[in-house]
């Protein structure tokens, strides 16, 4: 029985073509990396905005509860300021109080920004409590 060797010419050409594509996936990833970073920064910015809105709501409730209380030992504004994290409060904090039989407190916080150009976001929340 005579064995013949398979023809290797075509396989060697195919291997040479693959060698020319080395690093292509890495270059495509590097081209796509800025878009991935932009999406990640936008997701983090959205989380920070949600956290600031939550902090504004907590501050408004604390301020309204204290302002409506008959025997409160502090003012509504100081209670609201105390309910907010320092790094959120340092960007901007606005407190307003009004109402007659009910106390309505509105707190506005400037949302901290990690994305350049998004510096003018505000989170505003209000809370109303009946006076004692």
N, C-alpha and C. Protein backbone atom coordinates (compact mmCIF):
# COMPACT_ATOMS: atom_id res chain seq x y z
N UNK A 1 0.82 -1.16 0.00
CA UNK A 1 0.00 0.00 0.00
C UNK A 1 0.89 1.25 0.00
N UNK A 2 0.58 2.14 -0.86
CA UNK A 2 1.38 3.34 -1.01
C UNK A 2 0.63 4.51 -0.38
N UNK A 3 1.34 5.19 0.50
CA UNK A 3 0.72 6.36 1.12
C UNK A 3 1.24 7.61 0.43
N UNK A 4 0.33 8.50 0.22
CA UNK A 4 0.74 9.75 -0.38
C UNK A 4 0.61 10.87 0.65
N UNK A 5 1.49 11.82 0.56
CA UNK A 5 1.43 12.97 1.46
C UNK A 5 0.37 13.95 0.98
N UNK A 6 -0.38 14.51 1.92
CA UNK A 6 -1.37 15.51 1.49
C UNK A 6 -0.67 16.76 0.98
N UNK A 7 -1.32 17.46 0.13
CA UNK A 7 -0.79 18.70 -0.43
C UNK A 7 -0.82 19.78 0.64
N UNK A 8 0.31 20.39 0.93
CA UNK A 8 0.42 21.38 2.02
C UNK A 8 0.46 22.83 1.50
N UNK A 9 0.41 23.03 0.27
CA UNK A 9 0.52 24.39 -0.27
C UNK A 9 -0.63 25.29 0.14
N UNK A 10 -1.83 24.79 0.06
CA UNK A 10 -3.00 25.60 0.39
C UNK A 10 -3.03 25.92 1.90
N UNK A 11 -2.73 24.98 2.74
CA UNK A 11 -2.74 25.20 4.19
C UNK A 11 -1.70 26.23 4.61
N UNK A 12 -0.55 26.19 3.97
CA UNK A 12 0.48 27.16 4.36
C UNK A 12 0.09 28.56 3.96
N UNK A 13 -0.59 28.71 2.84
CA UNK A 13 -1.06 30.03 2.45
C UNK A 13 -2.14 30.53 3.41
N UNK A 14 -3.01 29.66 3.86
CA UNK A 14 -4.06 30.04 4.79
C UNK A 14 -3.43 30.47 6.12
N UNK A 15 -2.42 29.79 6.58
CA UNK A 15 -1.74 30.15 7.81
C UNK A 15 -1.06 31.51 7.69
N UNK A 16 -0.52 31.83 6.52
CA UNK A 16 0.12 33.13 6.34
C UNK A 16 -0.91 34.25 6.38
N UNK A 17 -2.09 34.00 5.87
CA UNK A 17 -3.14 35.02 5.90
C UNK A 17 -3.58 35.29 7.33
N UNK A 18 -3.63 34.26 8.15
CA UNK A 18 -4.00 34.47 9.55
C UNK A 18 -2.93 35.26 10.29
N UNK A 19 -1.71 35.04 9.98
CA UNK A 19 -0.63 35.75 10.65
C UNK A 19 -0.68 37.24 10.39
N UNK A 20 -1.23 37.66 9.26
CA UNK A 20 -1.35 39.08 8.95
C UNK A 20 -2.43 39.78 9.75
N UNK A 21 -3.36 39.03 10.34
CA UNK A 21 -4.44 39.61 11.11
C UNK A 21 -4.15 39.65 12.60
N UNK A 22 -2.98 39.32 13.02
CA UNK A 22 -2.67 39.31 14.44
C UNK A 22 -2.78 40.71 15.02
N UNK A 23 -3.46 40.83 16.15
CA UNK A 23 -3.62 42.12 16.82
C UNK A 23 -4.83 42.90 16.37
N UNK A 24 -5.59 42.37 15.43
CA UNK A 24 -6.75 43.09 14.93
C UNK A 24 -7.81 43.26 16.02
N UNK A 25 -8.04 42.24 16.82
CA UNK A 25 -9.04 42.33 17.88
C UNK A 25 -8.62 43.37 18.92
N UNK A 26 -7.37 43.42 19.23
CA UNK A 26 -6.88 44.42 20.20
C UNK A 26 -7.07 45.83 19.66
N UNK A 27 -6.84 46.03 18.39
CA UNK A 27 -7.02 47.36 17.81
C UNK A 27 -8.51 47.74 17.76
N UNK A 28 -9.37 46.78 17.47
CA UNK A 28 -10.80 47.06 17.50
C UNK A 28 -11.25 47.41 18.90
N UNK A 29 -10.73 46.72 19.90
CA UNK A 29 -11.07 47.01 21.29
C UNK A 29 -10.60 48.41 21.67
N UNK A 30 -9.41 48.79 21.26
CA UNK A 30 -8.90 50.12 21.57
C UNK A 30 -9.74 51.20 20.90
N UNK A 31 -10.27 50.92 19.74
CA UNK A 31 -11.14 51.88 19.07
C UNK A 31 -12.49 51.99 19.76
N UNK A 32 -12.95 50.93 20.38
CA UNK A 32 -14.24 50.89 21.04
C UNK A 32 -14.16 51.36 22.49
N UNK A 33 -12.97 51.41 23.06
CA UNK A 33 -12.77 51.75 24.47
C UNK A 33 -13.30 53.14 24.85
N UNK A 34 -13.10 54.19 24.05
CA UNK A 34 -13.67 55.49 24.44
C UNK A 34 -15.19 55.47 24.57
N UNK A 35 -15.87 54.73 23.72
CA UNK A 35 -17.32 54.63 23.82
C UNK A 35 -17.72 53.89 25.10
N UNK A 36 -17.01 52.84 25.44
CA UNK A 36 -17.28 52.12 26.68
C UNK A 36 -17.07 53.01 27.90
N UNK A 37 -16.01 53.79 27.89
CA UNK A 37 -15.75 54.70 29.01
C UNK A 37 -16.83 55.78 29.13
N UNK A 38 -17.30 56.28 28.00
CA UNK A 38 -18.36 57.28 28.02
C UNK A 38 -19.66 56.71 28.58
N UNK A 39 -20.00 55.50 28.20
CA UNK A 39 -21.21 54.85 28.73
C UNK A 39 -21.05 54.60 30.23
N UNK A 40 -19.88 54.17 30.67
CA UNK A 40 -19.65 53.93 32.10
C UNK A 40 -19.74 55.23 32.90
N UNK A 41 -19.16 56.31 32.38
CA UNK A 41 -19.24 57.59 33.09
C UNK A 41 -20.68 58.10 33.15
N UNK A 42 -21.44 57.89 32.08
CA UNK A 42 -22.85 58.31 32.09
C UNK A 42 -23.65 57.51 33.12
N UNK A 43 -23.36 56.22 33.25
CA UNK A 43 -24.05 55.40 34.24
C UNK A 43 -23.70 55.85 35.66
N UNK A 44 -22.44 56.15 35.91
CA UNK A 44 -22.04 56.63 37.24
C UNK A 44 -22.68 57.99 37.52
N UNK A 45 -22.74 58.87 36.51
CA UNK A 45 -23.36 60.18 36.69
C UNK A 45 -24.85 60.05 37.00
N UNK A 46 -25.51 59.11 36.35
CA UNK A 46 -26.92 58.88 36.63
C UNK A 46 -27.12 58.38 38.06
N UNK A 47 -26.23 57.53 38.53
CA UNK A 47 -26.30 57.06 39.92
C UNK A 47 -26.08 58.19 40.92
N UNK A 48 -25.15 59.08 40.62
CA UNK A 48 -24.90 60.22 41.51
C UNK A 48 -26.12 61.14 41.53
N UNK A 49 -26.76 61.34 40.39
CA UNK A 49 -27.97 62.18 40.34
C UNK A 49 -29.10 61.56 41.15
N UNK A 50 -29.26 60.25 41.07
CA UNK A 50 -30.29 59.58 41.86
C UNK A 50 -29.99 59.69 43.35
N UNK A 51 -28.72 59.57 43.72
CA UNK A 51 -28.34 59.70 45.12
C UNK A 51 -28.60 61.12 45.63
N UNK A 52 -28.30 62.13 44.82
CA UNK A 52 -28.55 63.52 45.22
C UNK A 52 -30.05 63.77 45.37
N UNK A 53 -30.87 63.20 44.50
CA UNK A 53 -32.32 63.36 44.62
C UNK A 53 -32.83 62.69 45.90
N UNK A 54 -32.28 61.54 46.23
CA UNK A 54 -32.65 60.86 47.46
C UNK A 54 -32.25 61.69 48.68
N UNK A 55 -31.07 62.27 48.64
CA UNK A 55 -30.61 63.12 49.74
C UNK A 55 -31.48 64.36 49.88
N UNK A 56 -31.92 64.95 48.77
CA UNK A 56 -32.80 66.12 48.83
C UNK A 56 -34.14 65.76 49.46
N UNK A 57 -34.68 64.60 49.12
CA UNK A 57 -35.93 64.15 49.72
C UNK A 57 -35.80 63.91 51.21
N UNK A 58 -34.71 63.29 51.61
CA UNK A 58 -34.47 63.05 53.04
C UNK A 58 -34.32 64.36 53.79
N UNK A 59 -33.62 65.32 53.22
CA UNK A 59 -33.43 66.62 53.87
C UNK A 59 -34.75 67.37 53.97
N UNK A 60 -35.58 67.30 52.93
CA UNK A 60 -36.87 67.99 52.97
C UNK A 60 -37.77 67.40 54.05
N UNK A 61 -37.79 66.09 54.17
CA UNK A 61 -38.61 65.46 55.22
C UNK A 61 -38.10 65.81 56.61
N UNK A 62 -36.78 65.78 56.79
CA UNK A 62 -36.22 66.12 58.10
C UNK A 62 -36.49 67.57 58.46
N UNK A 63 -36.35 68.45 57.49
CA UNK A 63 -36.62 69.87 57.74
C UNK A 63 -38.08 70.13 58.04
N UNK A 64 -38.98 69.51 57.31
CA UNK A 64 -40.41 69.71 57.54
C UNK A 64 -40.83 69.12 58.88
N UNK A 65 -40.32 67.96 59.22
CA UNK A 65 -40.65 67.33 60.51
C UNK A 65 -40.21 68.22 61.66
N UNK A 66 -39.00 68.77 61.56
CA UNK A 66 -38.48 69.63 62.65
C UNK A 66 -39.21 70.96 62.69
N UNK A 67 -39.49 71.56 61.54
CA UNK A 67 -40.17 72.86 61.52
C UNK A 67 -41.61 72.74 62.00
N UNK A 68 -42.25 71.59 61.80
CA UNK A 68 -43.63 71.41 62.23
C UNK A 68 -43.75 71.04 63.70
N UNK A 69 -42.64 70.64 64.29
CA UNK A 69 -42.67 70.21 65.69
C UNK A 69 -42.76 71.40 66.63
N UNK A 70 -43.57 71.25 67.67
CA UNK A 70 -43.76 72.33 68.64
C UNK A 70 -42.54 72.50 69.54
N UNK A 71 -41.95 71.40 69.94
CA UNK A 71 -40.83 71.46 70.88
C UNK A 71 -39.49 71.09 70.24
N UNK A 72 -39.28 71.49 69.02
CA UNK A 72 -38.02 71.20 68.33
C UNK A 72 -36.88 71.99 68.96
N UNK A 73 -35.73 71.37 69.08
CA UNK A 73 -34.57 72.03 69.68
C UNK A 73 -33.68 72.72 68.66
N UNK A 74 -34.00 72.55 67.40
CA UNK A 74 -33.20 73.17 66.34
C UNK A 74 -34.13 73.67 65.25
N UNK A 75 -33.59 74.39 64.30
CA UNK A 75 -34.41 74.90 63.20
C UNK A 75 -34.57 73.83 62.12
N UNK A 76 -35.55 74.03 61.28
CA UNK A 76 -35.76 73.09 60.18
C UNK A 76 -34.60 73.07 59.21
N UNK A 77 -34.00 74.23 58.99
CA UNK A 77 -32.87 74.29 58.05
C UNK A 77 -31.66 73.53 58.58
N UNK A 78 -31.37 73.66 59.85
CA UNK A 78 -30.21 72.93 60.39
C UNK A 78 -30.48 71.42 60.41
N UNK A 79 -31.73 71.03 60.63
CA UNK A 79 -32.05 69.60 60.57
C UNK A 79 -31.91 69.08 59.14
N UNK A 80 -32.33 69.90 58.18
CA UNK A 80 -32.20 69.50 56.77
C UNK A 80 -30.73 69.41 56.37
N UNK A 81 -29.94 70.38 56.79
CA UNK A 81 -28.50 70.34 56.47
C UNK A 81 -27.83 69.13 57.10
N UNK A 82 -28.25 68.77 58.29
CA UNK A 82 -27.67 67.61 58.96
C UNK A 82 -28.03 66.29 58.32
N UNK A 83 -29.10 66.26 57.54
CA UNK A 83 -29.55 65.02 56.91
C UNK A 83 -28.87 64.74 55.57
N UNK A 84 -28.05 65.68 55.10
CA UNK A 84 -27.42 65.55 53.78
C UNK A 84 -25.95 65.21 53.94
N UNK A 85 -25.45 64.34 53.08
CA UNK A 85 -24.01 64.00 53.07
C UNK A 85 -23.19 65.24 52.77
N UNK A 86 -22.00 65.30 53.35
CA UNK A 86 -21.15 66.47 53.19
C UNK A 86 -20.71 66.74 51.77
N UNK A 87 -20.39 65.69 51.01
CA UNK A 87 -19.88 65.91 49.65
C UNK A 87 -20.98 66.35 48.71
N UNK A 88 -22.25 66.03 49.01
CA UNK A 88 -23.35 66.52 48.19
C UNK A 88 -23.69 67.95 48.61
N UNK A 89 -23.68 68.20 49.91
CA UNK A 89 -24.03 69.53 50.44
C UNK A 89 -23.01 70.58 50.04
N UNK A 90 -21.75 70.19 49.85
CA UNK A 90 -20.71 71.17 49.55
C UNK A 90 -20.87 71.80 48.17
N UNK A 91 -21.57 71.16 47.26
CA UNK A 91 -21.76 71.72 45.91
C UNK A 91 -22.80 72.81 45.87
N UNK A 92 -23.78 72.75 46.72
CA UNK A 92 -24.84 73.76 46.74
C UNK A 92 -26.05 73.23 47.47
N UNK A 93 -26.56 74.02 48.39
CA UNK A 93 -27.70 73.63 49.22
C UNK A 93 -28.63 74.82 49.32
N UNK A 94 -29.91 74.64 48.97
CA UNK A 94 -30.88 75.72 49.06
C UNK A 94 -32.09 75.21 49.84
N UNK A 95 -32.51 75.97 50.84
CA UNK A 95 -33.60 75.59 51.73
C UNK A 95 -34.66 76.68 51.69
N UNK A 96 -35.92 76.28 51.56
CA UNK A 96 -37.01 77.25 51.68
C UNK A 96 -38.14 76.61 52.46
N UNK A 97 -38.82 77.44 53.24
CA UNK A 97 -39.88 76.95 54.12
C UNK A 97 -41.08 77.87 53.98
N UNK A 98 -42.26 77.30 53.99
CA UNK A 98 -43.47 78.11 53.88
C UNK A 98 -44.67 77.33 54.35
N UNK A 99 -45.82 77.99 54.33
CA UNK A 99 -47.05 77.33 54.69
C UNK A 99 -47.70 77.98 55.89
N UNK A 100 -48.96 77.61 56.12
CA UNK A 100 -49.71 78.14 57.25
C UNK A 100 -49.97 77.05 58.26
N UNK A 101 -51.08 76.32 58.09
CA UNK A 101 -51.40 75.23 59.00
C UNK A 101 -50.47 74.04 58.77
N UNK A 102 -49.98 73.92 57.57
CA UNK A 102 -48.99 72.89 57.22
C UNK A 102 -47.67 73.56 56.88
N UNK A 103 -46.60 72.86 57.15
CA UNK A 103 -45.26 73.38 56.83
C UNK A 103 -44.77 72.66 55.57
N UNK A 104 -44.38 73.44 54.58
CA UNK A 104 -43.82 72.87 53.35
C UNK A 104 -42.36 73.30 53.25
N UNK A 105 -41.49 72.32 53.15
CA UNK A 105 -40.05 72.58 53.04
C UNK A 105 -39.59 72.08 51.69
N UNK A 106 -38.84 72.92 51.00
CA UNK A 106 -38.26 72.56 49.70
C UNK A 106 -36.75 72.64 49.81
N UNK A 107 -36.08 71.58 49.40
CA UNK A 107 -34.62 71.54 49.43
C UNK A 107 -34.12 71.28 48.00
N UNK A 108 -33.16 72.10 47.58
CA UNK A 108 -32.53 71.92 46.27
C UNK A 108 -31.04 71.67 46.48
N UNK A 109 -30.53 70.64 45.82
CA UNK A 109 -29.11 70.31 45.88
C UNK A 109 -28.54 70.33 44.47
N UNK A 110 -27.34 70.85 44.33
CA UNK A 110 -26.65 70.79 43.04
C UNK A 110 -26.01 69.41 42.94
N UNK A 111 -26.26 68.72 41.83
CA UNK A 111 -25.76 67.36 41.63
C UNK A 111 -24.27 67.42 41.31
N UNK A 112 -23.42 66.72 42.08
CA UNK A 112 -22.00 66.67 41.75
C UNK A 112 -21.80 66.02 40.38
N UNK A 113 -20.85 66.54 39.61
CA UNK A 113 -20.67 66.07 38.24
C UNK A 113 -19.28 65.47 38.04
N UNK A 114 -19.25 64.32 37.36
CA UNK A 114 -17.98 63.74 36.93
C UNK A 114 -17.80 63.87 35.43
N UNK A 115 -18.89 64.24 34.74
CA UNK A 115 -18.85 64.43 33.29
C UNK A 115 -18.71 65.92 33.02
N UNK A 116 -17.68 66.35 32.30
CA UNK A 116 -17.52 67.77 32.02
C UNK A 116 -18.72 68.32 31.23
N UNK A 117 -19.18 69.49 31.63
CA UNK A 117 -20.29 70.13 30.95
C UNK A 117 -21.64 69.88 31.58
N UNK A 118 -21.73 69.02 32.56
CA UNK A 118 -23.00 68.75 33.24
C UNK A 118 -22.98 69.34 34.64
N UNK A 119 -22.69 70.61 34.75
CA UNK A 119 -22.51 71.24 36.05
C UNK A 119 -23.78 71.90 36.59
N UNK A 120 -24.85 72.01 35.82
CA UNK A 120 -25.99 72.78 36.26
C UNK A 120 -27.22 71.93 36.57
N UNK A 121 -27.01 70.68 36.97
CA UNK A 121 -28.13 69.83 37.37
C UNK A 121 -28.51 70.14 38.81
N UNK A 122 -29.80 70.16 39.09
CA UNK A 122 -30.28 70.34 40.45
C UNK A 122 -31.29 69.26 40.78
N UNK A 123 -31.26 68.79 42.01
CA UNK A 123 -32.26 67.86 42.52
C UNK A 123 -33.09 68.62 43.54
N UNK A 124 -34.38 68.74 43.29
CA UNK A 124 -35.28 69.50 44.16
C UNK A 124 -36.39 68.59 44.65
N UNK A 125 -36.59 68.58 45.95
CA UNK A 125 -37.66 67.78 46.56
C UNK A 125 -38.37 68.63 47.62
N UNK A 126 -39.66 68.37 47.79
CA UNK A 126 -40.47 69.09 48.78
C UNK A 126 -41.15 68.08 49.69
N UNK A 127 -41.46 68.54 50.89
CA UNK A 127 -42.18 67.71 51.85
C UNK A 127 -43.10 68.61 52.68
N UNK A 128 -44.29 68.12 52.96
CA UNK A 128 -45.28 68.87 53.73
C UNK A 128 -45.66 68.07 54.96
N UNK A 129 -45.64 68.74 56.12
CA UNK A 129 -46.02 68.12 57.39
C UNK A 129 -47.01 69.04 58.10
N UNK A 130 -47.98 68.47 58.81
CA UNK A 130 -48.93 69.32 59.56
C UNK A 130 -48.28 69.86 60.83
N UNK A 131 -48.59 71.09 61.15
CA UNK A 131 -48.07 71.68 62.39
C UNK A 131 -48.72 71.02 63.60
N UNK A 132 -47.95 70.91 64.66
CA UNK A 132 -48.49 70.34 65.91
C UNK A 132 -49.33 71.34 66.63
